[in-house]
N, C-alpha and C. Protein backbone atom coordinates (compact mmCIF):
# COMPACT_ATOMS: atom_id res chain seq x y z
N MET A 1 30.00 7.13 9.82
CA MET A 1 28.57 6.95 9.77
C MET A 1 27.96 7.92 8.76
N ALA A 2 27.15 7.42 7.87
CA ALA A 2 26.53 8.25 6.84
C ALA A 2 25.13 8.68 7.28
N LEU A 3 24.78 9.90 6.89
CA LEU A 3 23.44 10.38 7.17
C LEU A 3 22.49 9.91 6.08
N ARG A 4 21.31 9.52 6.47
CA ARG A 4 20.31 9.04 5.52
C ARG A 4 19.25 10.10 5.31
N GLN A 5 18.92 10.35 4.07
CA GLN A 5 17.84 11.29 3.74
C GLN A 5 16.51 10.60 4.04
N ARG A 6 15.65 11.25 4.81
CA ARG A 6 14.34 10.67 5.12
C ARG A 6 13.46 10.72 3.88
N GLU A 7 12.66 9.68 3.73
CA GLU A 7 11.79 9.57 2.56
C GLU A 7 10.42 9.07 3.02
N TRP A 8 9.36 9.73 2.55
CA TRP A 8 8.00 9.38 2.93
C TRP A 8 7.20 9.01 1.69
N SER A 9 6.13 8.27 1.93
CA SER A 9 5.25 7.88 0.84
C SER A 9 3.80 7.98 1.30
N ILE A 10 2.93 8.36 0.38
CA ILE A 10 1.49 8.37 0.63
C ILE A 10 0.91 7.15 -0.08
N LEU A 11 0.25 6.30 0.70
CA LEU A 11 -0.39 5.10 0.15
C LEU A 11 -1.90 5.29 0.16
N ILE A 12 -2.56 4.80 -0.89
CA ILE A 12 -4.03 4.84 -0.94
C ILE A 12 -4.54 3.44 -1.30
N ARG A 13 -5.82 3.22 -1.02
CA ARG A 13 -6.44 1.96 -1.43
C ARG A 13 -6.63 1.95 -2.94
N PRO A 14 -6.48 0.79 -3.57
CA PRO A 14 -6.81 0.71 -4.99
C PRO A 14 -8.30 1.01 -5.18
N TYR A 15 -8.65 1.54 -6.32
CA TYR A 15 -10.05 1.89 -6.57
C TYR A 15 -10.35 1.76 -8.06
N TYR A 16 -11.63 1.81 -8.38
CA TYR A 16 -12.04 1.91 -9.77
C TYR A 16 -13.25 2.82 -9.85
N ASP A 17 -13.43 3.44 -11.00
CA ASP A 17 -14.55 4.35 -11.21
C ASP A 17 -15.70 3.59 -11.86
N LYS A 18 -16.86 3.72 -11.27
CA LYS A 18 -18.05 3.09 -11.84
C LYS A 18 -18.98 4.21 -12.27
N LYS A 19 -18.86 4.62 -13.52
CA LYS A 19 -19.60 5.72 -14.11
C LYS A 19 -19.37 7.02 -13.35
N SER A 20 -20.25 7.38 -12.43
CA SER A 20 -20.13 8.70 -11.80
C SER A 20 -19.60 8.66 -10.37
N TYR A 21 -19.23 7.49 -9.85
CA TYR A 21 -18.72 7.46 -8.48
C TYR A 21 -17.54 6.49 -8.38
N ARG A 22 -16.81 6.64 -7.30
CA ARG A 22 -15.58 5.90 -7.09
C ARG A 22 -15.81 4.80 -6.04
N ILE A 23 -15.25 3.63 -6.28
CA ILE A 23 -15.35 2.52 -5.34
C ILE A 23 -13.94 2.14 -4.90
N ASP A 24 -13.65 2.29 -3.59
CA ASP A 24 -12.35 1.89 -3.05
C ASP A 24 -12.38 0.41 -2.75
N TYR A 25 -11.31 -0.27 -3.10
CA TYR A 25 -11.23 -1.71 -2.93
C TYR A 25 -10.58 -2.03 -1.59
N GLU A 26 -11.35 -2.62 -0.67
CA GLU A 26 -10.86 -2.91 0.67
C GLU A 26 -10.58 -4.38 0.91
N GLY A 27 -10.83 -5.22 -0.06
CA GLY A 27 -10.64 -6.65 0.14
C GLY A 27 -9.19 -7.06 0.03
N VAL A 28 -8.94 -8.33 0.29
CA VAL A 28 -7.60 -8.88 0.11
C VAL A 28 -7.39 -9.04 -1.39
N PRO A 29 -6.31 -8.47 -1.94
CA PRO A 29 -6.11 -8.57 -3.39
C PRO A 29 -5.89 -10.02 -3.83
N LYS A 30 -6.21 -10.30 -5.08
CA LYS A 30 -6.06 -11.65 -5.62
C LYS A 30 -5.23 -11.62 -6.88
N ALA A 31 -4.55 -12.72 -7.12
CA ALA A 31 -3.83 -12.92 -8.37
C ALA A 31 -4.45 -14.12 -9.06
N GLY A 32 -4.87 -13.96 -10.27
CA GLY A 32 -5.49 -15.07 -10.98
C GLY A 32 -6.36 -14.59 -12.12
N ILE A 33 -7.28 -15.43 -12.53
CA ILE A 33 -8.09 -15.14 -13.71
C ILE A 33 -9.34 -14.37 -13.39
N LYS A 34 -10.08 -14.75 -12.36
CA LYS A 34 -11.37 -14.11 -12.09
C LYS A 34 -11.19 -12.80 -11.35
N SER A 35 -11.83 -11.77 -11.81
CA SER A 35 -11.72 -10.45 -11.20
C SER A 35 -12.65 -10.31 -10.01
N ASP A 36 -12.20 -9.56 -8.98
CA ASP A 36 -13.05 -9.28 -7.83
C ASP A 36 -14.09 -8.22 -8.14
N LEU A 37 -13.95 -7.54 -9.27
CA LEU A 37 -14.83 -6.44 -9.58
C LEU A 37 -16.03 -6.86 -10.42
N GLY A 38 -16.20 -8.16 -10.63
CA GLY A 38 -17.38 -8.64 -11.34
C GLY A 38 -17.15 -8.99 -12.79
N ASP A 39 -16.04 -8.57 -13.39
CA ASP A 39 -15.74 -8.91 -14.77
C ASP A 39 -15.04 -10.27 -14.76
N THR A 40 -15.71 -11.28 -15.19
CA THR A 40 -15.15 -12.63 -15.08
C THR A 40 -14.81 -13.20 -16.46
N LEU A 41 -13.65 -13.80 -16.54
CA LEU A 41 -13.25 -14.49 -17.76
C LEU A 41 -13.27 -16.00 -17.56
N ALA A 42 -13.41 -16.43 -16.31
CA ALA A 42 -13.37 -17.86 -15.99
C ALA A 42 -14.69 -18.31 -15.42
N LYS A 43 -14.98 -19.59 -15.56
CA LYS A 43 -16.19 -20.17 -15.00
C LYS A 43 -16.10 -20.27 -13.49
N TYR A 44 -14.91 -20.60 -12.99
CA TYR A 44 -14.70 -20.83 -11.56
C TYR A 44 -13.70 -19.82 -11.01
N ASP A 45 -13.84 -19.51 -9.74
CA ASP A 45 -12.93 -18.57 -9.09
C ASP A 45 -11.65 -19.30 -8.72
N ILE A 46 -10.62 -19.16 -9.55
CA ILE A 46 -9.35 -19.84 -9.27
C ILE A 46 -8.27 -18.83 -8.85
N ALA A 47 -8.69 -17.61 -8.54
CA ALA A 47 -7.73 -16.59 -8.11
C ALA A 47 -7.23 -16.90 -6.70
N THR A 48 -5.98 -16.58 -6.44
CA THR A 48 -5.37 -16.85 -5.14
C THR A 48 -5.32 -15.56 -4.32
N PRO A 49 -5.88 -15.55 -3.11
CA PRO A 49 -5.77 -14.35 -2.27
C PRO A 49 -4.32 -14.09 -1.87
N LEU A 50 -3.89 -12.85 -1.97
CA LEU A 50 -2.52 -12.47 -1.61
C LEU A 50 -2.54 -11.92 -0.20
N LYS A 51 -2.64 -12.79 0.78
CA LYS A 51 -2.68 -12.35 2.17
C LYS A 51 -1.26 -12.14 2.66
N GLY A 52 -1.09 -11.16 3.51
CA GLY A 52 0.20 -10.91 4.11
C GLY A 52 -0.01 -10.37 5.50
N VAL A 53 -1.20 -10.59 6.03
CA VAL A 53 -1.59 -10.01 7.30
C VAL A 53 -0.79 -10.65 8.42
N GLY A 54 -0.10 -9.83 9.21
CA GLY A 54 0.64 -10.33 10.35
C GLY A 54 2.01 -10.90 10.01
N GLU A 55 2.41 -10.89 8.76
CA GLU A 55 3.70 -11.44 8.37
C GLU A 55 4.82 -10.61 8.98
N GLY A 56 5.79 -11.26 9.57
CA GLY A 56 6.95 -10.58 10.11
C GLY A 56 6.74 -9.92 11.46
N MET A 57 5.57 -10.11 12.08
CA MET A 57 5.29 -9.49 13.37
C MET A 57 5.62 -10.47 14.50
N SER A 58 5.94 -9.92 15.65
CA SER A 58 6.15 -10.79 16.81
C SER A 58 4.78 -11.27 17.31
N PRO A 59 4.71 -12.46 17.93
CA PRO A 59 3.41 -13.02 18.33
C PRO A 59 2.64 -12.16 19.34
N ASN A 60 3.34 -11.39 20.19
CA ASN A 60 2.64 -10.59 21.20
C ASN A 60 2.42 -9.14 20.77
N ASP A 61 2.61 -8.83 19.49
CA ASP A 61 2.40 -7.48 18.98
C ASP A 61 0.90 -7.22 18.83
N THR A 62 0.41 -6.11 19.37
CA THR A 62 -1.03 -5.80 19.31
C THR A 62 -1.35 -4.71 18.29
N LEU A 63 -0.40 -4.35 17.44
CA LEU A 63 -0.63 -3.33 16.43
C LEU A 63 -1.70 -3.81 15.45
N PRO A 64 -2.74 -2.99 15.21
CA PRO A 64 -3.78 -3.44 14.26
C PRO A 64 -3.23 -3.48 12.84
N ILE A 65 -3.56 -4.52 12.13
CA ILE A 65 -3.08 -4.70 10.76
C ILE A 65 -4.26 -4.53 9.81
N ASP A 66 -4.05 -3.75 8.76
CA ASP A 66 -5.09 -3.57 7.75
C ASP A 66 -5.00 -4.68 6.73
N GLU A 67 -6.10 -5.33 6.47
CA GLU A 67 -6.14 -6.30 5.39
C GLU A 67 -6.39 -5.55 4.09
N GLY A 68 -6.05 -6.16 3.00
CA GLY A 68 -6.30 -5.56 1.71
C GLY A 68 -5.06 -4.91 1.12
N GLY A 69 -5.23 -4.38 -0.07
CA GLY A 69 -4.11 -3.84 -0.81
C GLY A 69 -3.96 -2.34 -0.65
N TRP A 70 -2.75 -1.87 -0.80
CA TRP A 70 -2.42 -0.45 -0.80
C TRP A 70 -1.51 -0.18 -1.98
N VAL A 71 -1.65 1.00 -2.60
CA VAL A 71 -0.77 1.38 -3.70
C VAL A 71 -0.11 2.72 -3.37
N MET A 72 1.11 2.90 -3.89
CA MET A 72 1.84 4.14 -3.65
C MET A 72 1.28 5.24 -4.55
N TRP A 73 0.86 6.35 -3.93
CA TRP A 73 0.29 7.46 -4.68
C TRP A 73 1.33 8.56 -4.90
N TYR A 74 2.23 8.74 -3.93
CA TYR A 74 3.24 9.79 -4.02
C TYR A 74 4.42 9.45 -3.12
N LYS A 75 5.63 9.83 -3.53
CA LYS A 75 6.83 9.59 -2.73
C LYS A 75 7.72 10.83 -2.79
N THR A 76 8.28 11.24 -1.63
CA THR A 76 9.08 12.45 -1.58
C THR A 76 10.08 12.41 -0.43
N THR A 77 11.09 13.29 -0.51
CA THR A 77 12.03 13.49 0.59
C THR A 77 11.78 14.83 1.28
N SER A 78 10.82 15.59 0.79
CA SER A 78 10.50 16.90 1.35
C SER A 78 9.25 16.80 2.23
N PHE A 79 9.40 17.17 3.52
CA PHE A 79 8.26 17.08 4.43
C PHE A 79 7.18 18.10 4.06
N SER A 80 7.57 19.30 3.63
CA SER A 80 6.57 20.30 3.24
C SER A 80 5.79 19.86 2.00
N LYS A 81 6.48 19.21 1.05
CA LYS A 81 5.80 18.70 -0.15
C LYS A 81 4.87 17.55 0.22
N LEU A 82 5.28 16.74 1.21
CA LEU A 82 4.43 15.65 1.70
C LEU A 82 3.12 16.19 2.26
N ARG A 83 3.21 17.23 3.08
CA ARG A 83 2.01 17.85 3.65
C ARG A 83 1.10 18.41 2.57
N GLU A 84 1.71 19.07 1.58
CA GLU A 84 0.95 19.66 0.47
C GLU A 84 0.21 18.57 -0.31
N LYS A 85 0.91 17.48 -0.64
CA LYS A 85 0.30 16.40 -1.42
C LYS A 85 -0.74 15.64 -0.59
N TYR A 86 -0.53 15.53 0.73
CA TYR A 86 -1.51 14.87 1.60
C TYR A 86 -2.83 15.63 1.59
N LYS A 87 -2.75 16.97 1.68
CA LYS A 87 -3.96 17.79 1.63
C LYS A 87 -4.65 17.64 0.27
N GLU A 88 -3.85 17.58 -0.80
CA GLU A 88 -4.41 17.40 -2.14
C GLU A 88 -5.10 16.03 -2.24
N CYS A 89 -4.47 15.01 -1.68
CA CYS A 89 -5.02 13.65 -1.71
C CYS A 89 -6.34 13.58 -0.95
N LEU A 90 -6.42 14.26 0.20
CA LEU A 90 -7.64 14.22 1.00
C LEU A 90 -8.82 14.89 0.29
N GLY A 91 -8.54 15.72 -0.72
CA GLY A 91 -9.61 16.30 -1.53
C GLY A 91 -10.26 15.28 -2.45
N GLN A 92 -9.57 14.14 -2.68
CA GLN A 92 -10.08 13.13 -3.60
C GLN A 92 -10.42 11.81 -2.92
N VAL A 93 -9.75 11.53 -1.79
CA VAL A 93 -9.85 10.22 -1.15
C VAL A 93 -10.26 10.39 0.31
N ALA A 94 -11.07 9.50 0.83
CA ALA A 94 -11.45 9.54 2.24
C ALA A 94 -10.22 9.29 3.13
N LYS A 95 -10.20 9.92 4.30
CA LYS A 95 -9.05 9.81 5.22
C LYS A 95 -8.75 8.36 5.59
N GLU A 96 -9.78 7.52 5.70
CA GLU A 96 -9.58 6.12 6.06
C GLU A 96 -8.87 5.33 4.97
N MET A 97 -8.84 5.85 3.75
CA MET A 97 -8.22 5.16 2.63
C MET A 97 -6.82 5.68 2.33
N VAL A 98 -6.24 6.47 3.26
CA VAL A 98 -4.92 7.08 3.05
C VAL A 98 -4.01 6.72 4.21
N ARG A 99 -2.76 6.37 3.92
CA ARG A 99 -1.75 6.13 4.94
C ARG A 99 -0.46 6.84 4.53
N ILE A 100 0.22 7.41 5.51
CA ILE A 100 1.54 8.00 5.28
C ILE A 100 2.55 7.11 5.97
N VAL A 101 3.57 6.70 5.24
CA VAL A 101 4.60 5.83 5.80
C VAL A 101 5.97 6.41 5.51
N GLU A 102 6.91 6.12 6.39
CA GLU A 102 8.30 6.48 6.13
C GLU A 102 8.99 5.27 5.52
N ILE A 103 9.69 5.50 4.43
CA ILE A 103 10.38 4.41 3.75
C ILE A 103 11.77 4.27 4.38
N ILE A 104 12.05 3.09 4.88
CA ILE A 104 13.34 2.82 5.49
C ILE A 104 14.07 1.84 4.59
N PRO A 105 15.13 2.29 3.92
CA PRO A 105 15.84 1.40 3.01
C PRO A 105 16.64 0.34 3.79
N VAL A 106 16.74 -0.81 3.19
CA VAL A 106 17.54 -1.88 3.78
C VAL A 106 18.73 -2.09 2.86
N ASP A 107 19.90 -1.74 3.35
CA ASP A 107 21.12 -1.87 2.57
C ASP A 107 21.87 -3.13 2.99
N THR A 108 22.47 -3.77 2.04
CA THR A 108 23.31 -4.92 2.32
C THR A 108 24.73 -4.55 1.94
N MET A 109 25.64 -4.66 2.90
CA MET A 109 27.03 -4.33 2.64
C MET A 109 27.82 -5.63 2.58
N ILE A 110 28.53 -5.85 1.49
CA ILE A 110 29.33 -7.05 1.33
C ILE A 110 30.78 -6.63 1.49
N THR A 111 31.46 -7.28 2.41
CA THR A 111 32.86 -6.96 2.66
C THR A 111 33.70 -8.23 2.53
N PRO A 112 34.95 -8.07 2.14
CA PRO A 112 35.81 -9.27 2.04
C PRO A 112 36.12 -9.84 3.43
N ILE A 113 36.37 -11.12 3.51
CA ILE A 113 36.63 -11.78 4.77
C ILE A 113 38.07 -11.55 5.24
N SER A 114 38.95 -11.13 4.37
CA SER A 114 40.37 -11.02 4.73
C SER A 114 40.69 -10.09 5.86
């Protein structure tokens, strides 16, 4: 049995700067031509919402799911560095816009049938 190194990541909401203030994007992200931020290149909104809410969950799971997009801000294997970067992140981002997750790798082992 091999030991696995624990790995954590800090996720934040996507955002954009509007002159002197920051706007965090809480909506469901879209892929397509028309921007959710008001800059439009198309006459009609043909963007497709990228929903993934509740995917892979059991039907009786009551865990609250956040809608909208998240981006990786920092990734580390050091818990002390994680704490340091989390404090740094909270100086720039509201606590509600930050999540800490543990990354669990999924390995596939292929073995011969013989």
